[in-house]
């Protein structure tokens, strides 16, 4: 199920998504990095791009990628406003991907790889906790229930 009216916003997200590898390439070329630094930054870019790709797909309406929603029966799915769910979760993944990469990159520049890894995982854990707390409750259920 692709939500047709979201195609333009998705194009904007994909264009913004291209900034991550571009910033990474410019940083790697201009900075004097060791092998470990390149590996750490590569992992940060790959995981951010994976989150971004999942976010764009969920935003377009592929809610089967969300844990729990992919195992619900059609009757259970009708209880939820799937447009709201896909909109929130898609944007949450995209924002989390940008925050993870662009938040950890300055820390990496200032402190080295260990600090960036710590910021990366703390941000990831905090983001997942916020998303889980926001999704719980009746916020995304249809009003008819």
C-alpha atoms as a PDB file:
ATOM      1  CA  UNK A   1       0.000   0.000   0.000  1.00  0.00           C
ATOM      2  CA  UNK A   2       1.705   3.188  -1.163  1.00  0.00           C
ATOM      3  CA  UNK A   3       0.212   6.403   0.086  1.00  0.00           C
ATOM      4  CA  UNK A   4       0.058   8.387  -3.163  1.00  0.00           C
ATOM      5  CA  UNK A   5      -0.009  11.892  -1.663  1.00  0.00           C
ATOM      6  CA  UNK A   6       3.332  11.308   0.082  1.00  0.00           C
ATOM      7  CA  UNK A   7       5.447  10.882  -3.036  1.00  0.00           C
ATOM      8  CA  UNK A   8       6.627  14.522  -3.117  1.00  0.00           C
ATOM      9  CA  UNK A   9       7.672  14.507   0.571  1.00  0.00           C
ATOM     10  CA  UNK A  10       9.468  11.220  -0.004  1.00  0.00           C
ATOM     11  CA  UNK A  11      11.483  12.762  -2.830  1.00  0.00           C
ATOM     12  CA  UNK A  12      12.552  15.561  -0.476  1.00  0.00           C
ATOM     13  CA  UNK A  13      13.580  12.980   2.140  1.00  0.00           C
ATOM     14  CA  UNK A  14      15.629  11.074  -0.440  1.00  0.00           C
ATOM     15  CA  UNK A  15      17.398  14.247  -1.547  1.00  0.00           C
ATOM     16  CA  UNK A  16      18.180  15.051   2.089  1.00  0.00           C
ATOM     17  CA  UNK A  17      19.315  11.457   2.537  1.00  0.00           C
ATOM     18  CA  UNK A  18      22.045  12.046  -0.052  1.00  0.00           C
ATOM     19  CA  UNK A  19      23.680  14.552   2.291  1.00  0.00           C
ATOM     20  CA  UNK A  20      24.887  11.778   4.616  1.00  0.00           C
ATOM     21  CA  UNK A  21      27.233  10.023   2.153  1.00  0.00           C
ATOM     22  CA  UNK A  22      28.343  13.381   0.733  1.00  0.00           C
ATOM     23  CA  UNK A  23      29.288  14.716   4.173  1.00  0.00           C
ATOM     24  CA  UNK A  24      31.001  11.419   4.929  1.00  0.00           C
ATOM     25  CA  UNK A  25      33.022  11.514   1.701  1.00  0.00           C
ATOM     26  CA  UNK A  26      34.091  15.119   2.225  1.00  0.00           C
ATOM     27  CA  UNK A  27      35.050  14.407   5.831  1.00  0.00           C
ATOM     28  CA  UNK A  28      37.086  11.301   4.952  1.00  0.00           C
ATOM     29  CA  UNK A  29      38.956  13.139   2.172  1.00  0.00           C
ATOM     30  CA  UNK A  30      39.753  16.232   4.242  1.00  0.00           C
ATOM     31  CA  UNK A  31      40.507  14.572   7.602  1.00  0.00           C
ATOM     32  CA  UNK A  32      43.557  12.557   8.475  1.00  0.00           C
ATOM     33  CA  UNK A  33      41.901   9.311   9.549  1.00  0.00           C
ATOM     34  CA  UNK A  34      43.376   6.059  10.698  1.00  0.00           C
ATOM     35  CA  UNK A  35      41.985   2.725   9.574  1.00  0.00           C
ATOM     36  CA  UNK A  36      39.878   2.459  12.766  1.00  0.00           C
ATOM     37  CA  UNK A  37      38.438   5.922  12.199  1.00  0.00           C
ATOM     38  CA  UNK A  38      37.376   5.059   8.684  1.00  0.00           C
ATOM     39  CA  UNK A  39      35.738   1.827   9.865  1.00  0.00           C
ATOM     40  CA  UNK A  40      33.860   3.596  12.674  1.00  0.00           C
ATOM     41  CA  UNK A  41      32.592   6.328  10.374  1.00  0.00           C
ATOM     42  CA  UNK A  42      31.637   3.767   7.722  1.00  0.00           C
ATOM     43  CA  UNK A  43      29.548   1.860  10.257  1.00  0.00           C
ATOM     44  CA  UNK A  44      27.873   5.099  11.347  1.00  0.00           C
ATOM     45  CA  UNK A  45      27.015   5.951   7.741  1.00  0.00           C
ATOM     46  CA  UNK A  46      25.738   2.451   6.903  1.00  0.00           C
ATOM     47  CA  UNK A  47      23.497   2.245   9.953  1.00  0.00           C
ATOM     48  CA  UNK A  48      22.181   5.782   9.401  1.00  0.00           C
ATOM     49  CA  UNK A  49      21.422   4.983   5.755  1.00  0.00           C
ATOM     50  CA  UNK A  50      19.669   1.752   6.755  1.00  0.00           C
ATOM     51  CA  UNK A  51      17.471   3.627   9.247  1.00  0.00           C
ATOM     52  CA  UNK A  52      16.788   6.268   6.624  1.00  0.00           C
ATOM     53  CA  UNK A  53      15.771   3.667   4.024  1.00  0.00           C
ATOM     54  CA  UNK A  54      13.425   1.938   6.467  1.00  0.00           C
ATOM     55  CA  UNK A  55      11.974   5.316   7.442  1.00  0.00           C
ATOM     56  CA  UNK A  56      11.265   6.292   3.837  1.00  0.00           C
ATOM     57  CA  UNK A  57       9.599   2.938   3.115  1.00  0.00           C
ATOM     58  CA  UNK A  58       7.447   3.119   6.249  1.00  0.00           C
ATOM     59  CA  UNK A  59       6.519   6.724   5.459  1.00  0.00           C
ATOM     60  CA  UNK A  60       5.352   5.592   2.021  1.00  0.00           C
ATOM     61  CA  UNK A  61       3.013   3.098   3.675  1.00  0.00           C
ATOM     62  CA  UNK A  62       4.955  -0.164   3.943  1.00  0.00           C
ATOM     63  CA  UNK A  63       3.921  -0.759   7.558  1.00  0.00           C
ATOM     64  CA  UNK A  64       4.791  -4.448   7.310  1.00  0.00           C
ATOM     65  CA  UNK A  65       8.318  -3.390   8.279  1.00  0.00           C
ATOM     66  CA  UNK A  66       7.104  -2.381  11.747  1.00  0.00           C
ATOM     67  CA  UNK A  67       7.342  -4.982  14.478  1.00  0.00           C
ATOM     68  CA  UNK A  68       3.928  -6.008  15.715  1.00  0.00           C
ATOM     69  CA  UNK A  69       1.972  -4.547  12.832  1.00  0.00           C
ATOM     70  CA  UNK A  70       3.238  -7.173  10.409  1.00  0.00           C
ATOM     71  CA  UNK A  71       1.686  -9.983  12.485  1.00  0.00           C
ATOM     72  CA  UNK A  72      -1.716  -8.381  13.128  1.00  0.00           C
ATOM     73  CA  UNK A  73      -4.848  -9.739  11.549  1.00  0.00           C
ATOM     74  CA  UNK A  74      -6.820  -7.455   9.201  1.00  0.00           C
ATOM     75  CA  UNK A  75      -9.419  -6.936  11.959  1.00  0.00           C
ATOM     76  CA  UNK A  76      -6.740  -5.752  14.385  1.00  0.00           C
ATOM     77  CA  UNK A  77      -5.213  -3.477  11.749  1.00  0.00           C
ATOM     78  CA  UNK A  78      -8.561  -1.740  11.218  1.00  0.00           C
ATOM     79  CA  UNK A  79      -8.399  -0.526  14.822  1.00  0.00           C
ATOM     80  CA  UNK A  80      -5.416   1.685  13.982  1.00  0.00           C
ATOM     81  CA  UNK A  81      -5.120   4.728  11.749  1.00  0.00           C
ATOM     82  CA  UNK A  82      -2.300   3.357   9.611  1.00  0.00           C
ATOM     83  CA  UNK A  83      -1.686   6.691   7.879  1.00  0.00           C
ATOM     84  CA  UNK A  84      -0.861   8.271  11.244  1.00  0.00           C
ATOM     85  CA  UNK A  85       1.250   5.294  12.289  1.00  0.00           C
ATOM     86  CA  UNK A  86       3.251   5.249   9.050  1.00  0.00           C
ATOM     87  CA  UNK A  87       3.676   9.024   9.090  1.00  0.00           C
ATOM     88  CA  UNK A  88       4.989   9.138  12.653  1.00  0.00           C
ATOM     89  CA  UNK A  89       7.203   6.067  12.431  1.00  0.00           C
ATOM     90  CA  UNK A  90       8.643   6.984   9.027  1.00  0.00           C
ATOM     91  CA  UNK A  91       9.519  10.504  10.118  1.00  0.00           C
ATOM     92  CA  UNK A  92      10.847   9.219  13.446  1.00  0.00           C
ATOM     93  CA  UNK A  93      13.239   6.837  11.661  1.00  0.00           C
ATOM     94  CA  UNK A  94      14.405   9.572   9.277  1.00  0.00           C
ATOM     95  CA  UNK A  95      14.985  12.110  12.052  1.00  0.00           C
ATOM     96  CA  UNK A  96      16.735   9.508  14.201  1.00  0.00           C
ATOM     97  CA  UNK A  97      19.051   8.640  11.301  1.00  0.00           C
ATOM     98  CA  UNK A  98      20.029  12.293  10.805  1.00  0.00           C
ATOM     99  CA  UNK A  99      20.527  12.870  14.527  1.00  0.00           C
ATOM    100  CA  UNK A 100      22.611   9.728  14.846  1.00  0.00           C
ATOM    101  CA  UNK A 101      24.963  10.668  12.046  1.00  0.00           C
ATOM    102  CA  UNK A 102      25.175  14.427  12.373  1.00  0.00           C
ATOM    103  CA  UNK A 103      25.271  14.212  16.183  1.00  0.00           C
ATOM    104  CA  UNK A 104      28.078  11.665  16.348  1.00  0.00           C
ATOM    105  CA  UNK A 105      30.229  13.232  13.613  1.00  0.00           C
ATOM    106  CA  UNK A 106      31.257  16.353  15.615  1.00  0.00           C
ATOM    107  CA  UNK A 107      31.922  14.206  18.685  1.00  0.00           C
ATOM    108  CA  UNK A 108      34.132  11.988  16.542  1.00  0.00           C
ATOM    109  CA  UNK A 109      36.024  15.043  15.320  1.00  0.00           C
ATOM    110  CA  UNK A 110      36.598  16.319  18.852  1.00  0.00           C
ATOM    111  CA  UNK A 111      37.221  13.170  20.877  1.00  0.00           C
ATOM    112  CA  UNK A 112      37.970  10.299  18.566  1.00  0.00           C
ATOM    113  CA  UNK A 113      36.134   7.077  17.819  1.00  0.00           C
ATOM    114  CA  UNK A 114      35.190   5.988  21.333  1.00  0.00           C
ATOM    115  CA  UNK A 115      33.234   9.147  22.072  1.00  0.00           C
ATOM    116  CA  UNK A 116      31.369   8.942  18.783  1.00  0.00           C
ATOM    117  CA  UNK A 117      30.401   5.334  19.392  1.00  0.00           C
ATOM    118  CA  UNK A 118      29.085   6.209  22.854  1.00  0.00           C
ATOM    119  CA  UNK A 119      27.065   9.173  21.535  1.00  0.00           C
ATOM    120  CA  UNK A 120      25.775   7.037  18.670  1.00  0.00           C
ATOM    121  CA  UNK A 121      24.454   4.252  20.902  1.00  0.00           C
ATOM    122  CA  UNK A 122      23.091   6.540  23.631  1.00  0.00           C
ATOM    123  CA  UNK A 123      21.219   8.543  20.984  1.00  0.00           C
ATOM    124  CA  UNK A 124      19.917   5.360  19.383  1.00  0.00           C
ATOM    125  CA  UNK A 125      18.715   3.987  22.725  1.00  0.00           C
ATOM    126  CA  UNK A 126      17.111   7.305  23.693  1.00  0.00           C
ATOM    127  CA  UNK A 127      15.385   7.582  20.325  1.00  0.00           C
ATOM    128  CA  UNK A 128      13.988   4.069  20.510  1.00  0.00           C
ATOM    129  CA  UNK A 129      12.737   4.684  24.070  1.00  0.00           C
ATOM    130  CA  UNK A 130      11.014   7.926  22.987  1.00  0.00           C
ATOM    131  CA  UNK A 131       9.402   6.279  19.959  1.00  0.00           C
ATOM    132  CA  UNK A 132       8.188   3.347  22.075  1.00  0.00           C
ATOM    133  CA  UNK A 133       6.719   5.643  24.728  1.00  0.00           C
ATOM    134  CA  UNK A 134       5.019   7.841  22.130  1.00  0.00           C
ATOM    135  CA  UNK A 135       3.520   4.868  20.268  1.00  0.00           C
ATOM    136  CA  UNK A 136       1.963   3.339  23.380  1.00  0.00           C
ATOM    137  CA  UNK A 137      -1.539   4.317  24.336  1.00  0.00           C
ATOM    138  CA  UNK A 138      -4.519   5.241  22.199  1.00  0.00           C
ATOM    139  CA  UNK A 139      -2.898   7.989  20.141  1.00  0.00           C
ATOM    140  CA  UNK A 140      -2.979   6.033  16.872  1.00  0.00           C
ATOM    141  CA  UNK A 141      -6.247   4.120  17.323  1.00  0.00           C
ATOM    142  CA  UNK A 142      -9.259   4.987  15.210  1.00  0.00           C
ATOM    143  CA  UNK A 143     -11.847   7.166  16.919  1.00  0.00           C
ATOM    144  CA  UNK A 144     -14.695   4.719  16.244  1.00  0.00           C
ATOM    145  CA  UNK A 145     -13.410   2.272  18.874  1.00  0.00           C
END
